[in-house]
Protein backbone atom coordinates (compact mmCIF):
# COMPACT_ATOMS: atom_id res chain seq x y z
CA MET A 1 23.70 15.72 21.57
CA GLN A 2 21.61 16.31 18.46
CA GLN A 3 17.91 15.63 18.89
CA ARG A 4 16.45 12.81 16.82
CA PRO A 5 14.09 13.85 14.02
CA THR A 6 10.39 13.06 14.38
CA VAL A 7 8.43 11.49 11.54
CA LEU A 8 4.65 11.63 11.50
CA ILE A 9 3.23 8.64 9.59
CA ALA A 10 -0.39 9.22 8.58
CA GLY A 11 -2.26 6.05 7.65
CA ALA A 12 0.02 4.08 9.96
CA SER A 13 -2.12 0.91 9.95
CA GLY A 14 -2.12 0.67 6.13
CA VAL A 15 0.15 -1.46 4.00
CA ILE A 16 2.71 1.31 3.39
CA GLY A 17 2.16 3.12 6.68
CA GLN A 18 2.75 0.02 8.79
CA ALA A 19 5.92 -0.78 6.87
CA CYS A 20 7.09 2.78 7.54
CA VAL A 21 6.44 2.39 11.26
CA ASP A 22 8.49 -0.82 11.18
CA HIS A 23 11.35 0.80 9.29
CA PHE A 24 11.59 4.24 10.88
CA GLY A 25 10.78 2.95 14.36
CA GLY A 26 13.11 -0.01 14.06
CA SER A 27 16.07 2.08 12.91
CA GLY A 28 16.68 3.64 16.31
CA GLU A 29 17.25 6.98 14.57
CA TRP A 30 13.73 8.42 14.58
CA ASN A 31 10.92 9.36 16.91
CA VAL A 32 7.78 7.98 15.30
CA LEU A 33 4.25 9.35 15.61
CA ALA A 34 1.89 6.80 14.05
CA LEU A 35 -1.46 8.35 13.16
CA SER A 36 -4.41 6.12 12.26
CA ARG A 37 -7.81 5.12 13.58
CA ARG A 38 -6.54 1.69 14.61
CA ALA A 39 -3.05 1.03 15.90
CA PRO A 40 -0.45 -0.32 13.47
CA ASP A 41 0.48 -3.95 14.01
CA SER A 42 4.13 -3.13 14.63
CA ALA A 43 6.53 -3.98 17.43
CA ALA A 44 8.83 -1.10 16.47
CA PRO A 45 8.92 1.81 18.94
CA HIS A 46 6.26 4.42 18.15
CA ASN A 47 3.58 6.58 19.71
CA HIS A 48 0.11 6.01 18.31
CA LEU A 49 -2.31 8.89 17.70
CA ALA A 50 -5.82 7.48 17.28
CA VAL A 51 -7.43 10.05 15.00
CA ASP A 52 -9.94 9.98 12.14
CA LEU A 53 -8.56 12.28 9.45
CA THR A 54 -12.05 13.08 8.21
CA ASP A 55 -12.68 14.83 11.55
CA ALA A 56 -11.27 18.33 11.14
CA ASP A 57 -11.83 19.23 14.81
CA ALA A 58 -10.00 16.13 16.02
CA CYS A 59 -7.09 16.93 13.72
CA ALA A 60 -6.99 20.53 14.91
CA ALA A 61 -6.84 19.30 18.50
CA LEU A 62 -3.61 17.46 17.66
CA GLY A 63 -1.80 20.77 17.31
CA PRO A 64 0.48 20.62 20.38
CA LYS A 65 1.49 17.04 19.60
CA LEU A 66 2.64 18.06 16.12
CA ALA A 67 5.03 20.81 17.18
CA GLY A 68 8.14 18.64 17.02
CA VAL A 69 7.40 16.95 13.69
CA THR A 70 10.24 17.29 11.20
CA HIS A 71 9.03 14.88 8.49
CA LEU A 72 5.64 13.68 7.24
CA VAL A 73 4.76 10.48 5.42
CA PHE A 74 1.19 10.85 4.21
CA ALA A 75 0.04 7.30 3.40
CA ALA A 76 -3.58 7.68 4.55
CA LEU A 77 -6.28 6.60 2.11
CA TYR A 78 -10.05 6.37 1.99
CA GLU A 79 -11.64 3.71 -0.23
CA LYS A 80 -15.30 2.85 -0.62
CA PRO A 81 -16.68 -0.66 -0.12
CA GLY A 82 -16.16 -2.68 -3.28
CA LEU A 83 -13.08 -0.59 -3.97
CA TYR A 84 -12.69 0.26 -7.65
CA ALA A 85 -16.06 1.85 -8.43
CA GLY A 86 -15.16 4.63 -6.02
CA TRP A 87 -12.02 5.49 -7.95
CA LEU A 88 -14.17 7.41 -10.44
CA GLU A 89 -16.47 9.13 -7.93
CA ARG A 90 -15.97 12.76 -7.01
CA ASP A 91 -17.05 12.47 -3.37
CA GLN A 92 -14.29 9.95 -2.73
CA MET A 93 -11.76 12.29 -4.30
CA GLU A 94 -12.93 15.20 -2.18
CA ARG A 95 -12.82 13.10 0.98
CA ASN A 96 -9.20 12.13 0.37
CA LEU A 97 -8.33 15.78 -0.20
CA ALA A 98 -10.10 16.75 3.03
CA MET A 99 -8.12 14.13 4.98
CA LEU A 100 -4.85 15.62 3.79
CA ARG A 101 -5.96 19.19 4.39
CA ASN A 102 -7.31 18.42 7.87
CA LEU A 103 -3.87 17.19 8.91
CA MET A 104 -1.68 19.63 7.01
CA GLU A 105 -3.32 22.79 8.34
CA PRO A 106 -2.54 22.15 12.04
CA LEU A 107 0.79 20.57 11.11
CA LEU A 108 1.96 23.60 9.17
CA ALA A 109 0.75 25.91 11.93
CA ARG A 110 2.69 24.07 14.65
CA ALA A 111 5.62 22.19 13.10
CA ILE A 112 7.95 25.11 12.50
CA GLY A 113 10.84 22.67 11.95
CA LEU A 114 9.13 20.71 9.18
CA GLN A 115 11.71 19.61 6.60
CA HIS A 116 10.11 17.11 4.26
CA VAL A 117 6.77 15.65 3.15
CA SER A 118 6.28 12.41 1.21
CA ALA A 119 2.91 11.82 -0.48
CA LEU A 120 1.70 8.64 -2.17
CA GLN A 121 0.08 8.24 -5.55
CA GLY A 122 0.32 5.19 -7.85
CA THR A 123 -0.13 4.06 -11.43
CA LYS A 124 -3.66 5.48 -11.48
CA ALA A 125 -1.75 8.73 -12.02
CA TYR A 126 -1.11 7.42 -15.53
CA GLY A 127 -4.73 6.31 -15.98
CA ALA A 128 -3.94 2.60 -15.57
CA HIS A 129 -7.44 2.03 -14.13
CA ILE A 130 -9.21 3.43 -17.19
CA HIS A 131 -7.00 2.92 -20.25
CA GLN A 132 -3.82 1.36 -21.53
CA ILE A 133 -0.78 3.33 -20.44
CA ALA A 134 2.47 4.12 -22.22
CA VAL A 135 5.17 1.50 -21.70
CA PRO A 136 7.05 2.42 -19.70
CA ALA A 137 5.15 5.22 -17.98
CA ARG A 138 7.47 8.09 -17.09
CA GLU A 139 7.14 10.81 -14.49
CA SER A 140 7.85 13.45 -17.14
CA ALA A 141 4.65 12.66 -19.06
CA PRO A 142 1.93 15.33 -19.07
CA ARG A 143 -0.71 14.89 -16.36
CA ASP A 144 -3.22 12.29 -17.54
CA PRO A 145 -6.53 14.14 -18.18
CA HIS A 146 -8.84 12.34 -15.78
CA GLU A 147 -10.24 13.25 -12.38
CA ASN A 148 -8.28 11.77 -9.51
CA PHE A 149 -7.73 12.67 -5.87
CA TYR A 150 -4.01 12.48 -6.60
CA TRP A 151 -4.24 15.73 -8.52
CA LEU A 152 -6.32 17.40 -5.81
CA GLN A 153 -3.81 16.45 -3.13
CA GLU A 154 -0.79 17.29 -5.26
CA ASP A 155 -2.11 20.74 -6.20
CA TYR A 156 -2.88 21.47 -2.55
CA LEU A 157 0.60 20.41 -1.42
CA ARG A 158 2.39 22.33 -4.16
CA ALA A 159 0.44 25.46 -3.25
CA LYS A 160 1.45 25.06 0.42
CA ARG A 161 5.02 24.36 -0.63
CA GLN A 162 5.40 27.78 -2.30
CA GLY A 163 7.72 29.92 -0.20
CA ALA A 164 8.07 27.26 2.51
CA ASP A 165 11.32 25.67 3.71
CA TRP A 166 10.13 22.07 3.59
CA ALA A 167 10.53 19.88 0.50
CA LEU A 168 7.98 17.60 -1.17
CA THR A 169 8.45 14.17 -2.77
CA ILE A 170 5.61 12.42 -4.57
CA TRP A 171 5.74 8.65 -4.99
CA ARG A 172 4.09 6.39 -7.56
CA PRO A 173 4.66 2.80 -6.43
CA GLN A 174 3.48 -0.16 -8.43
CA ILE A 175 1.30 -2.92 -6.89
CA VAL A 176 2.25 -2.85 -3.19
CA PHE A 177 2.55 -6.05 -1.13
CA GLY A 178 3.14 -6.04 2.60
CA GLU A 179 2.24 -7.38 6.04
CA ALA A 180 -0.76 -5.21 6.96
CA THR A 181 -4.18 -6.84 7.32
CA GLY A 182 -7.67 -5.38 7.09
CA VAL A 183 -6.65 -2.82 4.47
CA ALA A 184 -7.96 -1.78 1.08
CA MET A 185 -5.20 -3.04 -1.21
CA ASN A 186 -2.87 -5.77 0.01
CA MET A 187 -3.15 -9.18 -1.61
CA ILE A 188 -0.93 -11.04 0.85
CA PRO A 189 -3.65 -11.67 3.51
CA VAL A 190 -6.03 -12.63 0.68
CA LEU A 191 -3.58 -15.20 -0.68
CA GLY A 192 -2.84 -16.49 2.81
CA ALA A 193 -6.52 -16.93 3.68
CA TYR A 194 -7.28 -18.50 0.30
CA ALA A 195 -4.44 -21.03 0.70
CA THR A 196 -5.55 -21.85 4.25
CA ILE A 197 -9.10 -22.61 3.13
CA CYS A 198 -7.87 -24.67 0.16
CA ARG A 199 -5.74 -26.80 2.47
CA GLU A 200 -8.65 -27.30 4.84
CA LEU A 201 -10.86 -28.46 1.96
CA GLY A 202 -8.18 -30.73 0.46
CA MET A 203 -7.92 -28.62 -2.69
CA PRO A 204 -4.90 -27.55 -4.73
CA LEU A 205 -4.13 -23.87 -5.00
CA ALA A 206 -6.09 -23.06 -8.15
CA TYR A 207 -4.97 -19.97 -10.03
CA PRO A 208 -8.05 -17.73 -10.05
CA GLY A 209 -7.09 -15.33 -12.82
CA ARG A 210 -6.95 -15.00 -16.55
CA PRO A 211 -3.66 -15.37 -18.43
CA SER A 212 -1.90 -12.40 -16.97
CA GLY A 213 -0.18 -9.47 -18.53
CA VAL A 214 3.24 -8.31 -17.44
CA SER A 215 3.36 -6.01 -14.45
CA GLU A 216 5.57 -4.92 -11.59
CA ALA A 217 5.33 -5.14 -7.82
CA VAL A 218 6.87 -3.31 -4.92
CA ASP A 219 7.48 -4.59 -1.41
CA ALA A 220 6.07 -2.24 1.24
CA GLY A 221 9.38 -2.51 3.07
CA LEU A 222 11.17 -1.24 -0.03
CA VAL A 223 8.72 1.68 -0.19
CA ALA A 224 9.57 2.50 3.43
CA ARG A 225 13.29 2.44 2.68
CA ALA A 226 12.78 4.75 -0.29
CA LEU A 227 10.78 7.20 1.80
CA ALA A 228 13.49 7.18 4.45
CA TRP A 229 16.13 7.88 1.79
CA ALA A 230 14.13 10.84 0.52
CA THR A 231 14.09 12.53 3.94
CA THR A 232 17.68 13.69 3.49
CA ALA A 233 18.47 13.24 -0.23
CA PRO A 234 18.86 16.59 -2.02
CA THR A 235 17.99 14.82 -5.29
CA ALA A 236 14.53 13.91 -3.91
CA ARG A 237 13.47 17.47 -3.15
CA ASP A 238 10.33 18.47 -5.04
CA GLU A 239 10.49 15.44 -7.31
CA THR A 240 8.09 12.69 -8.39
CA PHE A 241 9.32 9.10 -8.56
CA ASN A 242 7.98 5.79 -9.81
CA LEU A 243 8.92 2.91 -7.53
CA THR A 244 9.06 -0.86 -8.15
CA ASN A 245 10.95 -3.91 -6.92
CA GLY A 246 13.14 -3.63 -10.03
CA ASP A 247 11.98 -6.74 -11.90
CA VAL A 248 8.80 -7.69 -13.76
CA PHE A 249 6.36 -10.55 -13.22
CA ALA A 250 3.15 -12.15 -14.42
CA PHE A 251 0.80 -13.59 -11.79
CA ALA A 252 0.38 -16.89 -13.65
CA ASN A 253 4.13 -17.34 -13.86
CA VAL A 254 4.77 -16.75 -10.15
CA TRP A 255 1.79 -18.88 -9.11
CA PRO A 256 3.87 -22.10 -8.69
CA ALA A 257 6.23 -20.24 -6.33
CA ILE A 258 3.26 -18.90 -4.35
CA ALA A 259 1.76 -22.40 -4.12
CA ASP A 260 5.06 -23.87 -2.97
CA ALA A 261 5.37 -21.17 -0.32
CA VAL A 262 2.04 -22.25 1.22
CA GLY A 263 2.69 -25.97 0.83
CA LEU A 264 0.11 -26.69 -1.86
CA ALA A 265 0.19 -27.90 -5.44
CA PRO A 266 -0.66 -25.27 -8.07
CA SER A 267 -3.41 -25.84 -10.60
CA PHE A 268 -4.78 -23.86 -13.53
CA GLY A 269 -8.28 -23.74 -15.00
CA GLN A 270 -11.07 -21.27 -15.52
CA PRO A 271 -10.96 -17.86 -13.78
CA PHE A 272 -13.14 -17.33 -10.73
CA SER A 273 -13.77 -14.63 -8.16
CA LEU A 274 -11.78 -14.73 -4.93
CA VAL A 275 -14.38 -12.38 -3.45
CA ASN A 276 -17.05 -15.03 -4.00
CA PHE A 277 -14.83 -17.92 -2.92
CA LEU A 278 -13.74 -16.30 0.32
CA MET A 279 -17.17 -15.04 1.31
CA GLU A 280 -18.65 -18.49 0.64
CA HIS A 281 -16.12 -19.96 3.07
CA ARG A 282 -16.28 -17.44 5.93
CA ASP A 283 -17.46 -20.17 8.29
CA THR A 284 -14.58 -22.41 7.21
CA TRP A 285 -12.13 -19.65 8.07
CA ALA A 286 -13.79 -19.04 11.44
CA ARG A 287 -13.53 -22.74 12.26
CA ILE A 288 -9.84 -22.84 11.32
CA ALA A 289 -9.12 -19.63 13.22
CA ALA A 290 -10.71 -21.01 16.38
CA ARG A 291 -8.92 -24.35 16.11
CA GLU A 292 -5.51 -22.81 15.35
CA SER A 293 -5.88 -19.77 17.64
CA LEU A 294 -5.35 -17.37 14.76
CA ARG A 295 -5.31 -13.66 15.45
CA GLU A 296 -8.33 -12.69 13.34
CA PRO A 297 -11.37 -15.02 13.31
CA ASP A 298 -13.44 -12.82 11.00
CA LEU A 299 -12.44 -13.22 7.37
CA GLU A 300 -13.93 -9.91 6.19
CA THR A 301 -12.01 -8.04 8.88
CA LEU A 302 -8.82 -9.83 7.87
CA VAL A 303 -8.94 -8.97 4.17
CA GLY A 304 -10.60 -5.54 4.28
CA GLU A 305 -11.34 -4.59 0.66
CA SER A 306 -8.28 -6.41 -0.66
CA HIS A 307 -10.19 -9.36 -2.11
CA HIS A 308 -11.84 -6.91 -4.51
CA TYR A 309 -8.37 -5.68 -5.41
CA ALA A 310 -7.28 -9.27 -6.05
CA ASP A 311 -10.16 -9.85 -8.46
CA LEU A 312 -9.19 -6.69 -10.32
CA LEU A 313 -5.53 -7.62 -10.61
CA PHE A 314 -6.33 -11.16 -11.66
CA GLY A 315 -8.64 -9.83 -14.39
CA VAL A 316 -11.50 -11.98 -13.16
CA HIS A 317 -14.25 -9.72 -14.47
CA ALA A 318 -12.52 -8.67 -17.67
CA PRO A 319 -13.98 -9.91 -20.98
CA ALA A 320 -12.55 -13.27 -21.99
CA ASP A 321 -11.03 -11.81 -25.14
CA ALA A 322 -9.65 -8.71 -23.45
CA GLU A 323 -5.96 -8.12 -24.03
CA ARG A 324 -3.98 -7.89 -20.79
CA ALA A 325 -1.76 -4.97 -21.70
CA PRO A 326 1.47 -4.61 -19.73
CA VAL A 327 1.48 -2.07 -16.91
CA LEU A 328 5.10 -1.02 -16.59
CA VAL A 329 6.75 2.13 -15.29
CA SER A 330 10.26 3.45 -15.62
CA THR A 331 12.32 3.74 -12.44
CA ILE A 332 15.37 5.22 -14.16
CA LYS A 333 14.72 8.66 -12.66
CA LEU A 334 14.81 7.27 -9.11
CA ARG A 335 17.95 5.24 -9.77
CA LYS A 336 19.75 8.23 -11.26
CA ALA A 337 18.71 10.24 -8.20
CA GLY A 338 20.60 7.76 -6.02
CA PHE A 339 18.12 5.16 -4.73
CA ALA A 340 18.89 1.78 -6.29
CA ASP A 341 17.54 -0.68 -3.70
CA CYS A 342 15.55 -3.61 -5.11
CA GLU A 343 13.70 -6.83 -4.27
CA ASP A 344 13.17 -10.15 -6.06
CA THR A 345 9.39 -10.38 -6.52
CA GLU A 346 9.17 -14.18 -6.21
CA GLU A 347 11.23 -14.06 -3.03
CA MET A 348 8.98 -11.26 -1.77
CA PHE A 349 5.85 -13.43 -2.10
CA VAL A 350 7.54 -16.30 -0.27
CA ARG A 351 8.81 -14.10 2.56
CA LEU A 352 5.54 -12.24 3.11
CA LEU A 353 3.46 -15.42 3.11
CA ARG A 354 5.89 -16.92 5.62
CA ARG A 355 5.47 -13.81 7.78
CA MET A 356 1.69 -14.37 7.78
CA ARG A 357 2.34 -17.73 9.44
CA GLU A 358 5.00 -16.46 11.83
CA ARG A 359 2.67 -13.73 13.08
CA GLY A 360 -0.21 -16.14 13.70
CA ILE A 361 -2.38 -14.68 10.95
CA THR A 362 -2.45 -17.95 9.02
CA PRO A 363 -1.70 -21.43 10.39
CA ARG A 364 1.77 -22.89 10.24
CA VAL A 365 2.06 -25.38 7.40
């Protein structure tokens, strides 16, 4: 009987990592090693390795546990408090490189059967955080000339890949939405907490953003399915792929569907900061959480840094006359390579907000 492959998922408690634990572990076809400081909130079978990737000695001590690894999903990420200021700071870039290196060195020394590595980037690869990008952004474009930990990690991995038997796939997903809480960039817990507080205060669900430009989303579950496809697809070897749900959306246009999903009426007015709103109502959340026996009574723990991400995506702090340029990427390369799975973005919002209730993270409507 052929032995099942073993996937090591680094950053297993994050929005993509947790979805990967759900997918690989739930398939019944993989042994899953889930590596993260805190355990992923997943019922799928997995073994958790509680390790801080910034600790080189702790990573080195993992050596014997890594011997059977055949595939790596590196979804670990370090973000500074406040989130986006750190995107331009060199120490944050170096720390993310060190996290990858601290894991890869003992992994490559021990995992003689390693076959494939998936690494995550995003639209910051095209400079979306600092300037307008080409529409659509394509993987074949020259490397955008700005400092980014993506380039540090990619150069390291490509150097290690030279002469090795394992293959590398680099992923550039659009805005990722999923079930993980307490993470740096997942708006779903933010929207769920915001709706819960609005209902408690007898308020409609006010749209907090400016008139929004066109963008794309990707469901974390879809990311996990793509990464699983790449583990055996010859067309994914040593390639870089953009990844989206397959449709486009504007936040203002999907807002009525989001409001309906949480049982509130939508309203539109002046933009405001969800960071400020949520932090002003921490006690309201704590009261609701106690009354409804919710899983996380501390609002800041629930949302992580994701409320800062929400403000950024909603354009809250952008100048009033700033043009919201579209942020769109081409996924033709991935489709031609053989992965054509997709999600309806409005349906994604509804399903993920429903899952927040089903899991006891937000109250049932």
